[in-house]
């Protein structure tokens, strides 16, 4: 049965931030957490998760949903990962109960402070973006967060000039933005590129200007390069910055609703905090128990290649429809439930770089129809695999069944198997002609081995593959006539330049098509 459903209309109502924070400096502000061998691992801690009330100003000067990596389109010469910005914004929401937060990423890696002097491109861009953040919102700039200085540790001259240059920068920014009392929260560096780290730290900790706060990164864990903070350290630093801002708030007049009582780090009249070292707040470690479980299987277009570049790097772009949600979990390769986020298959399809697939868009679209109860995704797809590799007894099949059985130990129920595979079966006439029988056997075996004789199967008719036999495989997919087996069509969805994999936008739409098929043919039949 073919189900070809249009992408449902999304609510495009825009929101603008009330409270705006500028993020600037160099690589530890733009974020290298989780970056290894010029590839970001895609891991986003709970403290750094997106939230509907947190926005970022894009390189195109448009407000959009904020998510990691915050600086991906700003610090473009290197691969960005996790920085302190999202953790900071999330902590502020909880600590001060503030409304919509706007982040203005401006940091660029490898930049000395002289490159941020008035008149330099970096400075002009930062000021321009800051002004645009106000022009395109009803908000107010609350602070400049600054983490920079590693590139000023290589020469004694630069290190000794740092204090004067930083004080001049603060004066210029306040003057050019018309905010003479703008709070500035800087980070004292933990490391550097040269032997004058302590001189720069001394300058940072010794600054004596009103409403200038310094938190200390010393003691936070560094990556193997001994230069950049780890993901965990970035999450903690963001919370330290938020705590410093909260303390600064005690002596500076802001309009925030329902500010909770906190222990101040200074007296009410003190405006300078030399060092703020705050432990990472305890997270709720209670184990999630998904009630509704979906198996995601097949090959690369299910695993997701949306946003993966020619250099085999994921661009980190996650659309609003594919954002994480507190009620959505995934079963990791270690068979543990954890918050679900893109790339869903990062530890499953490990031979290639994973990006955006249809899973997160699908589950976000079905959340409401399932009563917003906890949902679990079981990623199993592996790129470049023919259907014969999914036969009973083969490693891929046995792993899928094992993971599926493990998922229901949480007392949940498997609602459907989503299957997108077949491109690798278009190479020979023999494989293409055998596809229908092989797929029907797979469905029979999965239902039998999971003890779910009526398990709904929603498969995707392929849109790409070897042109010679692609239509034979598509014909087989549409021709399967088994109870509770649906087929949605990927034809017409845009492909990347490789003419094989769906784009990020196409994956988002496919997820919604799958959700609509589930709603129409599974939920309505219950």
Protein backbone atom coordinates (compact mmCIF):
# COMPACT_ATOMS: atom_id res chain seq x y z
CA UNK A 1 0.00 0.00 0.00
CA UNK A 2 1.46 3.37 -0.99
CA UNK A 3 1.07 6.32 1.33
CA UNK A 4 2.30 9.58 -0.19
CA UNK A 5 1.65 12.37 2.30
CA UNK A 6 2.61 16.02 2.04
CA UNK A 7 4.77 17.66 4.66
CA UNK A 8 2.43 19.14 7.32
CA UNK A 9 2.53 22.90 7.67
CA UNK A 10 4.77 24.12 10.44
CA UNK A 11 4.02 27.05 12.72
CA UNK A 12 6.35 29.73 11.45
CA UNK A 13 5.50 32.29 14.11
CA UNK A 14 8.72 33.98 15.13
CA UNK A 15 9.85 35.03 18.57
CA UNK A 16 12.51 37.54 19.49
CA UNK A 17 14.73 37.49 22.56
CA UNK A 18 14.30 39.84 25.50
CA UNK A 19 17.71 39.23 27.04
CA UNK A 20 20.74 39.22 24.74
CA UNK A 21 24.29 38.03 25.43
CA UNK A 22 27.31 38.51 23.18
CA UNK A 23 29.70 35.54 23.01
CA UNK A 24 33.15 36.54 21.82
CA UNK A 25 36.84 35.72 21.96
CA UNK A 26 38.64 32.79 20.39
CA UNK A 27 38.35 29.01 20.05
CA UNK A 28 37.40 28.08 23.61
CA UNK A 29 34.43 30.42 23.35
CA UNK A 30 33.42 29.28 19.87
CA UNK A 31 33.81 25.72 21.16
CA UNK A 32 36.02 22.75 20.40
CA UNK A 33 34.35 20.36 22.82
CA UNK A 34 33.97 16.96 21.17
CA UNK A 35 36.08 17.86 18.13
CA UNK A 36 38.71 15.30 17.21
CA UNK A 37 40.60 14.94 13.93
CA UNK A 38 38.55 17.84 12.52
CA UNK A 39 35.26 16.05 13.22
CA UNK A 40 32.69 16.89 15.90
CA UNK A 41 31.32 13.82 17.67
CA UNK A 42 27.83 15.34 17.92
CA UNK A 43 27.53 14.68 21.67
CA UNK A 44 25.52 17.40 23.44
CA UNK A 45 25.27 17.17 27.26
CA UNK A 46 21.94 17.71 28.98
CA UNK A 47 23.11 21.12 30.18
CA UNK A 48 23.64 22.23 26.57
CA UNK A 49 20.40 20.98 25.03
CA UNK A 50 18.31 23.33 22.89
CA UNK A 51 15.23 24.98 24.36
CA UNK A 52 12.45 26.88 22.56
CA UNK A 53 13.26 30.02 24.56
CA UNK A 54 16.94 30.10 23.52
CA UNK A 55 17.76 31.69 20.15
CA UNK A 56 20.95 32.60 18.31
CA UNK A 57 21.75 35.28 15.76
CA UNK A 58 22.92 33.48 12.63
CA UNK A 59 25.66 34.65 10.27
CA UNK A 60 22.81 35.96 8.11
CA UNK A 61 21.67 38.14 11.03
CA UNK A 62 18.46 36.19 11.58
CA UNK A 63 17.19 34.88 14.90
CA UNK A 64 16.89 31.10 14.89
CA UNK A 65 16.69 28.20 17.31
CA UNK A 66 20.01 27.89 19.16
CA UNK A 67 21.79 24.55 19.22
CA UNK A 68 25.31 23.21 19.26
CA UNK A 69 27.65 24.06 17.66
CA UNK A 70 26.64 27.68 18.29
CA UNK A 71 29.49 29.12 16.20
CA UNK A 72 29.32 26.75 13.21
CA UNK A 73 28.62 29.57 10.71
CA UNK A 74 30.78 32.19 12.46
CA UNK A 75 34.11 30.49 13.20
CA UNK A 76 34.22 28.80 9.81
CA UNK A 77 37.94 28.18 9.38
CA UNK A 78 37.86 25.26 11.84
CA UNK A 79 35.35 22.64 12.97
CA UNK A 80 33.29 23.89 15.90
CA UNK A 81 31.91 21.77 18.71
CA UNK A 82 30.49 22.43 22.15
CA UNK A 83 31.24 25.77 23.81
CA UNK A 84 29.97 27.36 27.04
CA UNK A 85 27.09 29.33 25.48
CA UNK A 86 24.23 26.83 25.60
CA UNK A 87 25.07 25.68 29.13
CA UNK A 88 25.20 29.34 30.19
CA UNK A 89 21.80 30.12 28.64
CA UNK A 90 20.12 27.05 30.11
CA UNK A 91 21.52 27.78 33.57
CA UNK A 92 20.27 31.38 33.37
CA UNK A 93 16.78 30.18 32.52
CA UNK A 94 16.69 28.07 35.67
CA UNK A 95 18.50 30.48 37.99
CA UNK A 96 16.76 33.72 37.04
CA UNK A 97 13.58 32.52 35.38
CA UNK A 98 14.23 34.85 32.46
CA UNK A 99 12.25 34.99 29.25
CA UNK A 100 13.52 34.38 25.73
CA UNK A 101 17.35 34.45 25.62
CA UNK A 102 19.29 35.57 22.55
CA UNK A 103 22.90 34.54 21.99
CA UNK A 104 25.10 36.46 19.55
CA UNK A 105 28.08 34.25 18.64
CA UNK A 106 31.11 36.27 17.48
CA UNK A 107 34.18 34.26 18.56
CA UNK A 108 36.86 33.21 16.07
CA UNK A 109 39.62 30.74 16.90
CA UNK A 110 43.32 31.60 16.87
CA UNK A 111 42.83 35.35 17.25
CA UNK A 112 45.05 37.59 19.38
CA UNK A 113 43.51 40.58 21.14
CA UNK A 114 45.09 43.03 18.70
CA UNK A 115 42.81 41.53 16.03
CA UNK A 116 39.87 42.73 18.15
CA UNK A 117 41.01 46.36 18.21
CA UNK A 118 38.54 49.01 17.05
CA UNK A 119 38.69 49.21 13.25
CA UNK A 120 39.69 45.57 12.78
CA UNK A 121 37.24 43.29 10.95
CA UNK A 122 36.57 41.08 13.96
CA UNK A 123 35.72 44.06 16.15
CA UNK A 124 33.53 45.69 13.51
CA UNK A 125 31.66 42.42 12.92
CA UNK A 126 31.07 41.95 16.65
CA UNK A 127 29.70 45.48 17.05
CA UNK A 128 27.57 45.19 13.92
CA UNK A 129 26.09 41.86 15.03
CA UNK A 130 25.44 43.24 18.51
CA UNK A 131 23.58 46.24 17.08
CA UNK A 132 21.59 44.01 14.73
CA UNK A 133 20.59 41.79 17.64
CA UNK A 134 18.78 44.77 19.14
CA UNK A 135 17.37 46.03 15.84
CA UNK A 136 15.80 42.64 15.16
CA UNK A 137 14.27 42.18 18.60
CA UNK A 138 12.67 44.00 21.48
CA UNK A 139 15.58 42.91 23.62
CA UNK A 140 18.41 44.41 25.58
CA UNK A 141 22.08 43.39 25.67
CA UNK A 142 22.71 42.11 29.19
CA UNK A 143 26.40 41.20 29.00
CA UNK A 144 29.43 40.43 26.88
CA UNK A 145 30.97 37.02 27.62
CA UNK A 146 34.64 37.02 26.64
CA UNK A 147 37.05 34.05 26.53
CA UNK A 148 40.29 34.90 24.75
CA UNK A 149 44.00 35.27 25.43
CA UNK A 150 45.66 31.98 24.51
CA UNK A 151 47.07 33.58 21.34
CA UNK A 152 48.65 36.36 23.43
CA UNK A 153 50.88 34.00 25.43
CA UNK A 154 53.54 33.47 22.77
CA UNK A 155 55.50 36.70 23.28
CA UNK A 156 56.32 38.73 26.38
CA UNK A 157 55.33 41.92 24.56
CA UNK A 158 51.80 40.65 23.80
CA UNK A 159 51.33 39.26 27.29
CA UNK A 160 52.44 42.49 28.98
CA UNK A 161 50.21 44.57 26.70
CA UNK A 162 47.16 42.39 27.33
CA UNK A 163 45.66 44.29 30.27
CA UNK A 164 45.81 47.63 28.49
CA UNK A 165 44.42 46.16 25.25
CA UNK A 166 41.56 44.43 27.05
CA UNK A 167 40.61 47.53 29.01
CA UNK A 168 40.60 49.50 25.74
CA UNK A 169 38.41 46.86 24.11
CA UNK A 170 35.88 47.08 26.94
CA UNK A 171 35.83 50.87 26.73
CA UNK A 172 35.35 50.81 22.95
CA UNK A 173 32.57 48.22 22.98
CA UNK A 174 30.64 50.08 25.66
CA UNK A 175 31.07 53.34 23.77
CA UNK A 176 30.14 51.98 20.33
CA UNK A 177 27.07 50.18 21.67
CA UNK A 178 26.01 53.14 23.79
CA UNK A 179 26.08 50.98 26.93
CA UNK A 180 28.56 52.64 29.32
CA UNK A 181 27.87 50.12 32.11
CA UNK A 182 27.65 46.97 29.96
CA UNK A 183 28.63 43.99 32.14
CA UNK A 184 31.63 42.09 30.82
CA UNK A 185 32.28 38.56 32.07
CA UNK A 186 35.69 37.35 30.95
CA UNK A 187 37.32 33.98 31.47
CA UNK A 188 40.87 33.73 32.80
CA UNK A 189 42.60 31.32 30.43
CA UNK A 190 43.59 27.85 31.60
CA UNK A 191 46.29 27.34 29.00
CA UNK A 192 47.91 29.01 26.02
CA UNK A 193 50.06 28.72 22.93
CA UNK A 194 53.24 30.02 24.59
CA UNK A 195 55.15 30.38 27.85
CA UNK A 196 53.50 33.58 29.10
CA UNK A 197 50.19 32.11 30.24
CA UNK A 198 50.58 33.40 33.80
CA UNK A 199 51.24 36.95 32.62
CA UNK A 200 48.00 36.97 30.63
CA UNK A 201 46.10 35.41 33.54
CA UNK A 202 47.51 38.05 35.86
CA UNK A 203 46.25 40.75 33.49
CA UNK A 204 42.79 39.18 33.30
CA UNK A 205 42.42 38.66 37.04
CA UNK A 206 43.90 42.10 37.76
CA UNK A 207 41.47 44.18 35.74
CA UNK A 208 39.78 46.84 37.87
CA UNK A 209 36.85 48.24 35.89
CA UNK A 210 33.23 48.58 37.01
CA UNK A 211 30.96 45.66 36.10
CA UNK A 212 33.84 43.52 34.85
CA UNK A 213 33.77 39.98 36.19
CA UNK A 214 36.45 37.32 35.80
CA UNK A 215 35.85 33.59 36.23
CA UNK A 216 38.77 31.19 36.23
CA UNK A 217 39.03 28.26 33.81
CA UNK A 218 42.05 26.88 35.63
CA UNK A 219 41.35 23.36 36.84
CA UNK A 220 38.84 22.56 34.10
CA UNK A 221 39.77 19.50 32.07
CA UNK A 222 41.57 20.00 28.77
CA UNK A 223 41.52 17.81 25.68
CA UNK A 224 44.60 15.91 24.52
CA UNK A 225 45.83 19.02 22.69
CA UNK A 226 46.27 20.73 26.10
CA UNK A 227 44.69 23.83 24.61
CA UNK A 228 40.93 23.33 24.35
CA UNK A 229 38.35 22.48 27.00
CA UNK A 230 36.54 19.16 26.84
CA UNK A 231 32.78 18.99 26.31
CA UNK A 232 32.24 18.39 30.03
CA UNK A 233 34.45 21.36 30.93
CA UNK A 234 32.56 23.61 28.53
CA UNK A 235 29.26 22.61 30.15
CA UNK A 236 30.67 23.41 33.58
CA UNK A 237 32.18 26.70 32.40
CA UNK A 238 28.80 27.81 31.07
CA UNK A 239 27.30 27.23 34.49
CA UNK A 240 30.15 29.14 36.15
CA UNK A 241 29.51 32.07 33.81
CA UNK A 242 25.80 31.95 34.63
CA UNK A 243 26.54 31.95 38.34
CA UNK A 244 28.88 34.92 37.91
CA UNK A 245 26.19 36.80 36.02
CA UNK A 246 23.64 35.99 38.73
CA UNK A 247 26.02 37.30 41.38
CA UNK A 248 26.76 40.41 39.35
CA UNK A 249 23.01 40.90 39.10
CA UNK A 250 22.91 41.42 42.87
CA UNK A 251 24.70 44.74 42.41
CA UNK A 252 23.38 45.76 38.99
CA UNK A 253 19.79 46.60 38.13
CA UNK A 254 18.18 44.16 35.71
CA UNK A 255 14.50 43.48 35.14
CA UNK A 256 14.00 39.75 35.62
CA UNK A 257 10.85 38.06 36.92
CA UNK A 258 10.86 36.14 40.19
CA UNK A 259 14.55 36.12 40.95
CA UNK A 260 15.24 33.35 43.46
CA UNK A 261 17.30 34.04 46.55
CA UNK A 262 20.92 33.04 46.08
CA UNK A 263 24.04 33.26 48.16
CA UNK A 264 25.94 36.25 46.89
CA UNK A 265 29.65 35.91 46.21
CA UNK A 266 30.14 39.55 47.15
CA UNK A 267 28.52 42.35 49.11
CA UNK A 268 25.63 44.24 47.55
CA UNK A 269 27.81 47.20 46.59
CA UNK A 270 30.68 45.15 45.18
CA UNK A 271 30.73 45.04 41.38
CA UNK A 272 33.87 43.01 40.80
CA UNK A 273 34.25 39.27 41.35
CA UNK A 274 37.82 38.11 40.92
CA UNK A 275 37.18 34.39 40.69
CA UNK A 276 34.03 32.33 40.52
CA UNK A 277 34.43 28.56 40.65
CA UNK A 278 31.07 26.84 40.80
CA UNK A 279 30.59 23.07 40.82
CA UNK A 280 28.43 21.48 38.15
CA UNK A 281 24.86 21.17 39.49
CA UNK A 282 23.66 17.64 40.02
CA UNK A 283 21.54 16.30 37.21
CA UNK A 284 18.56 14.03 37.68
CA UNK A 285 20.04 10.61 37.02
CA UNK A 286 16.77 8.65 37.21
CA UNK A 287 16.64 6.10 34.41
CA UNK A 288 14.16 6.88 31.61
CA UNK A 289 11.52 4.28 30.76
CA UNK A 290 10.12 4.84 27.26
CA UNK A 291 6.55 3.62 26.85
CA UNK A 292 6.42 3.82 23.06
CA UNK A 293 9.34 2.34 21.11
CA UNK A 294 10.23 2.58 17.43
CA UNK A 295 12.94 0.59 15.63
CA UNK A 296 14.87 2.50 12.95
CA UNK A 297 16.62 0.22 10.49
CA UNK A 298 17.92 -0.14 6.95
CA UNK A 299 20.92 1.56 5.39
CA UNK A 300 22.47 5.03 5.05
CA UNK A 301 19.36 7.10 4.34
CA UNK A 302 17.84 5.81 7.58
CA UNK A 303 21.10 6.21 9.51
CA UNK A 304 21.22 9.75 8.10
CA UNK A 305 23.63 11.58 5.85
CA UNK A 306 21.82 14.93 5.95
CA UNK A 307 24.36 17.72 6.36
CA UNK A 308 27.40 15.49 5.81
CA UNK A 309 29.82 17.32 3.53
CA UNK A 310 32.11 16.05 0.78
CA UNK A 311 34.88 16.02 3.39
CA UNK A 312 32.83 13.56 5.47
CA UNK A 313 32.09 16.09 8.19
CA UNK A 314 28.63 16.77 9.57
CA UNK A 315 27.77 20.47 9.47
CA UNK A 316 25.93 20.25 12.80
CA UNK A 317 22.77 21.92 11.49
CA UNK A 318 19.64 20.61 13.21
CA UNK A 319 16.29 21.97 12.07
CA UNK A 320 13.56 22.88 14.59
CA UNK A 321 11.62 19.74 13.61
CA UNK A 322 14.57 17.52 14.61
CA UNK A 323 15.45 19.15 17.91
CA UNK A 324 15.85 17.08 21.08
CA UNK A 325 13.01 16.94 23.60
CA UNK A 326 13.04 15.77 27.24
CA UNK A 327 10.56 12.98 26.43
CA UNK A 328 12.59 11.47 23.54
CA UNK A 329 15.32 8.89 24.16
CA UNK A 330 17.53 6.59 22.11
CA UNK A 331 19.04 3.20 22.90
CA UNK A 332 22.80 3.66 22.68
CA UNK A 333 25.28 1.11 21.34
CA UNK A 334 25.84 0.18 25.00
CA UNK A 335 22.12 -0.68 25.29
CA UNK A 336 21.41 2.23 27.62
CA UNK A 337 18.64 4.80 27.25
CA UNK A 338 19.92 8.34 26.81
CA UNK A 339 18.50 11.64 25.51
CA UNK A 340 18.02 11.40 21.75
CA UNK A 341 19.70 13.92 19.48
CA UNK A 342 21.19 14.11 16.02
CA UNK A 343 23.05 12.21 14.71
CA UNK A 344 20.89 9.37 16.06
CA UNK A 345 23.11 6.63 14.59
CA UNK A 346 26.45 8.11 15.66
CA UNK A 347 27.55 5.00 17.60
CA UNK A 348 25.71 2.45 15.42
CA UNK A 349 26.70 3.21 11.82
CA UNK A 350 30.33 3.82 12.73
CA UNK A 351 32.02 3.20 9.38
CA UNK A 352 30.83 6.50 7.92
CA UNK A 353 30.00 9.97 9.22
CA UNK A 354 26.37 10.20 10.28
CA UNK A 355 24.22 13.30 10.02
CA UNK A 356 20.50 14.03 10.08
CA UNK A 357 18.10 11.17 9.37
CA UNK A 358 14.29 10.97 9.55
CA UNK A 359 14.08 9.65 13.13
CA UNK A 360 14.02 12.85 15.18
CA UNK A 361 11.59 14.60 12.83
CA UNK A 362 9.35 11.52 12.95
CA UNK A 363 9.29 11.26 16.73
CA UNK A 364 8.70 14.97 17.26
CA UNK A 365 5.73 14.73 14.91
CA UNK A 366 4.18 11.77 16.79
CA UNK A 367 4.82 13.03 20.35
CA UNK A 368 1.47 14.74 20.74
CA UNK A 369 -0.57 11.91 19.26
CA UNK A 370 1.06 9.59 21.82
CA UNK A 371 0.06 11.84 24.68
CA UNK A 372 3.54 13.37 25.13
CA UNK A 373 4.61 10.22 26.95
CA UNK A 374 8.22 9.02 26.94
CA UNK A 375 9.28 7.69 23.52
CA UNK A 376 12.28 5.50 22.73
CA UNK A 377 14.11 5.18 19.42
CA UNK A 378 16.22 2.10 18.65
CA UNK A 379 18.70 3.00 15.87
CA UNK A 380 19.93 -0.07 13.96
CA UNK A 381 20.63 1.12 10.40
CA UNK A 382 24.02 0.62 8.76
CA UNK A 383 25.01 2.24 5.47
CA UNK A 384 25.89 0.33 2.32
CA UNK A 385 24.10 -2.88 3.32
CA UNK A 386 22.10 -5.12 0.98
CA UNK A 387 18.99 -6.91 2.21
CA UNK A 388 20.75 -10.28 2.22
CA UNK A 389 22.93 -8.87 5.03
CA UNK A 390 19.73 -8.50 7.07
CA UNK A 391 18.77 -12.18 6.77
CA UNK A 392 18.12 -14.14 9.95
CA UNK A 393 21.45 -15.36 11.32
CA UNK A 394 23.43 -12.47 9.86
CA UNK A 395 25.12 -10.06 12.28
CA UNK A 396 23.00 -7.04 11.32
CA UNK A 397 19.73 -8.91 11.77
CA UNK A 398 20.73 -10.50 15.06
CA UNK A 399 21.93 -7.16 16.42
CA UNK A 400 18.65 -5.49 15.44
CA UNK A 401 16.62 -8.19 17.20
CA UNK A 402 18.87 -8.07 20.27
CA UNK A 403 18.58 -4.29 20.55
CA UNK A 404 14.81 -4.44 20.02
CA UNK A 405 14.40 -7.03 22.79
CA UNK A 406 16.61 -5.01 25.10
CA UNK A 407 14.50 -1.91 24.49
CA UNK A 408 11.32 -3.50 25.90
CA UNK A 409 12.98 -4.44 29.18
CA UNK A 410 12.01 -0.91 30.21
CA UNK A 411 8.37 -2.15 30.13
CA UNK A 412 7.69 -0.23 26.94
CA UNK A 413 6.00 -1.48 23.78
CA UNK A 414 7.40 -1.59 20.25
CA UNK A 415 4.97 0.40 18.11
CA UNK A 416 6.55 -0.01 14.67
CA UNK A 417 9.64 -0.81 12.63
CA UNK A 418 10.66 2.01 10.26
CA UNK A 419 12.66 0.59 7.35
CA UNK A 420 14.56 2.49 4.64
CA UNK A 421 16.82 0.25 2.57
CA UNK A 422 17.23 -1.05 -0.94
CA UNK A 423 19.74 1.17 -2.73
CA UNK A 424 22.40 -1.55 -2.43
CA UNK A 425 20.05 -4.04 -4.10
CA UNK A 426 19.81 -2.06 -7.35
CA UNK A 427 23.24 -3.14 -8.61
CA UNK A 428 22.26 -6.49 -10.16
CA UNK A 429 19.10 -7.86 -11.73
CA UNK A 430 19.31 -10.92 -9.49
CA UNK A 431 19.29 -8.87 -6.28
CA UNK A 432 16.54 -6.56 -7.52
CA UNK A 433 14.28 -9.46 -8.54
CA UNK A 434 14.87 -11.22 -5.21
CA UNK A 435 14.08 -8.13 -3.15
CA UNK A 436 10.37 -8.71 -2.62
CA UNK A 437 10.82 -12.25 -1.35
CA UNK A 438 13.74 -11.24 0.88
CA UNK A 439 11.83 -8.33 2.38
CA UNK A 440 8.75 -10.45 3.07
CA UNK A 441 10.95 -13.04 4.79
CA UNK A 442 12.60 -10.31 6.86
CA UNK A 443 9.21 -9.03 8.02
CA UNK A 444 8.07 -12.56 8.91
CA UNK A 445 11.28 -13.28 10.85
CA UNK A 446 11.28 -10.02 12.80
CA UNK A 447 7.67 -10.44 13.85
CA UNK A 448 8.30 -14.04 14.87
CA UNK A 449 11.53 -13.38 16.77
CA UNK A 450 10.05 -10.43 18.65
CA UNK A 451 6.78 -12.24 19.35
CA UNK A 452 4.82 -9.47 17.63
CA UNK A 453 2.88 -11.12 14.78
CA UNK A 454 1.12 -7.86 13.85
CA UNK A 455 4.06 -5.48 14.28
CA UNK A 456 3.48 -2.49 11.95
CA UNK A 457 6.21 -2.04 9.34
CA UNK A 458 6.55 1.31 7.58
CA UNK A 459 9.04 1.04 4.74
CA UNK A 460 10.31 3.77 2.43
CA UNK A 461 10.38 3.25 -1.32
CA UNK A 462 13.87 4.25 -2.43
CA UNK A 463 14.51 7.34 -4.51
CA UNK A 464 18.11 6.60 -5.51
CA UNK A 465 20.43 3.76 -6.45
CA UNK A 466 21.69 2.20 -9.67
CA UNK A 467 19.36 3.55 -12.37
CA UNK A 468 19.32 0.23 -14.19
CA UNK A 469 17.39 -1.68 -11.51
CA UNK A 470 16.01 0.98 -9.19
CA UNK A 471 12.49 0.64 -10.58
CA UNK A 472 12.53 -3.12 -9.98
CA UNK A 473 13.30 -2.57 -6.30
CA UNK A 474 10.67 0.17 -6.02
CA UNK A 475 8.14 -2.13 -7.68
CA UNK A 476 8.99 -4.82 -5.12
CA UNK A 477 8.57 -2.39 -2.23
CA UNK A 478 5.18 -1.18 -3.41
CA UNK A 479 4.13 -4.75 -4.25
CA UNK A 480 4.43 -6.19 -0.75
CA UNK A 481 0.92 -7.14 0.34
CA UNK A 482 1.16 -8.12 3.99
CA UNK A 483 -1.03 -6.97 6.90
CA UNK A 484 0.17 -3.81 8.66
CA UNK A 485 2.89 -3.13 6.09
CA UNK A 486 2.90 0.40 4.70
CA UNK A 487 5.06 1.99 2.03
CA UNK A 488 5.75 5.72 1.78
CA UNK A 489 7.51 7.15 -1.24
CA UNK A 490 10.76 9.12 -1.06
CA UNK A 491 10.51 10.01 -4.74
CA UNK A 492 10.54 13.77 -5.23
CA UNK A 493 12.52 14.51 -2.08
CA UNK A 494 15.73 16.43 -2.89
CA UNK A 495 19.04 14.57 -2.95
CA UNK A 496 22.50 15.81 -2.11
CA UNK A 497 25.12 16.29 -4.81
CA UNK A 498 26.02 12.60 -4.60
CA UNK A 499 22.55 11.76 -6.02
CA UNK A 500 22.26 9.04 -3.40
CA UNK A 501 21.50 10.57 -0.02
CA UNK A 502 18.66 12.82 1.10
CA UNK A 503 19.41 16.39 2.14
CA UNK A 504 18.75 17.56 5.69
CA UNK A 505 15.51 19.23 4.57
CA UNK A 506 14.41 16.07 2.77
CA UNK A 507 15.09 13.96 5.86
CA UNK A 508 12.97 16.30 7.96
CA UNK A 509 10.10 16.01 5.50
CA UNK A 510 10.48 12.23 5.29
CA UNK A 511 10.21 11.97 9.07
CA UNK A 512 6.93 13.87 8.92
CA UNK A 513 5.68 11.68 6.06
CA UNK A 514 6.46 8.59 8.16
CA UNK A 515 4.67 10.15 11.13
CA UNK A 516 1.61 10.89 9.04
CA UNK A 517 1.56 7.30 7.78
CA UNK A 518 1.80 6.03 11.36
CA UNK A 519 -1.02 8.30 12.48
CA UNK A 520 -3.30 7.51 9.55
CA UNK A 521 -2.80 3.77 9.20
CA UNK A 522 -1.66 2.61 12.64
CA UNK A 523 -3.08 4.94 15.28
CA UNK A 524 -6.45 5.29 13.55
CA UNK A 525 -6.69 1.52 13.19
CA UNK A 526 -6.19 0.95 16.93
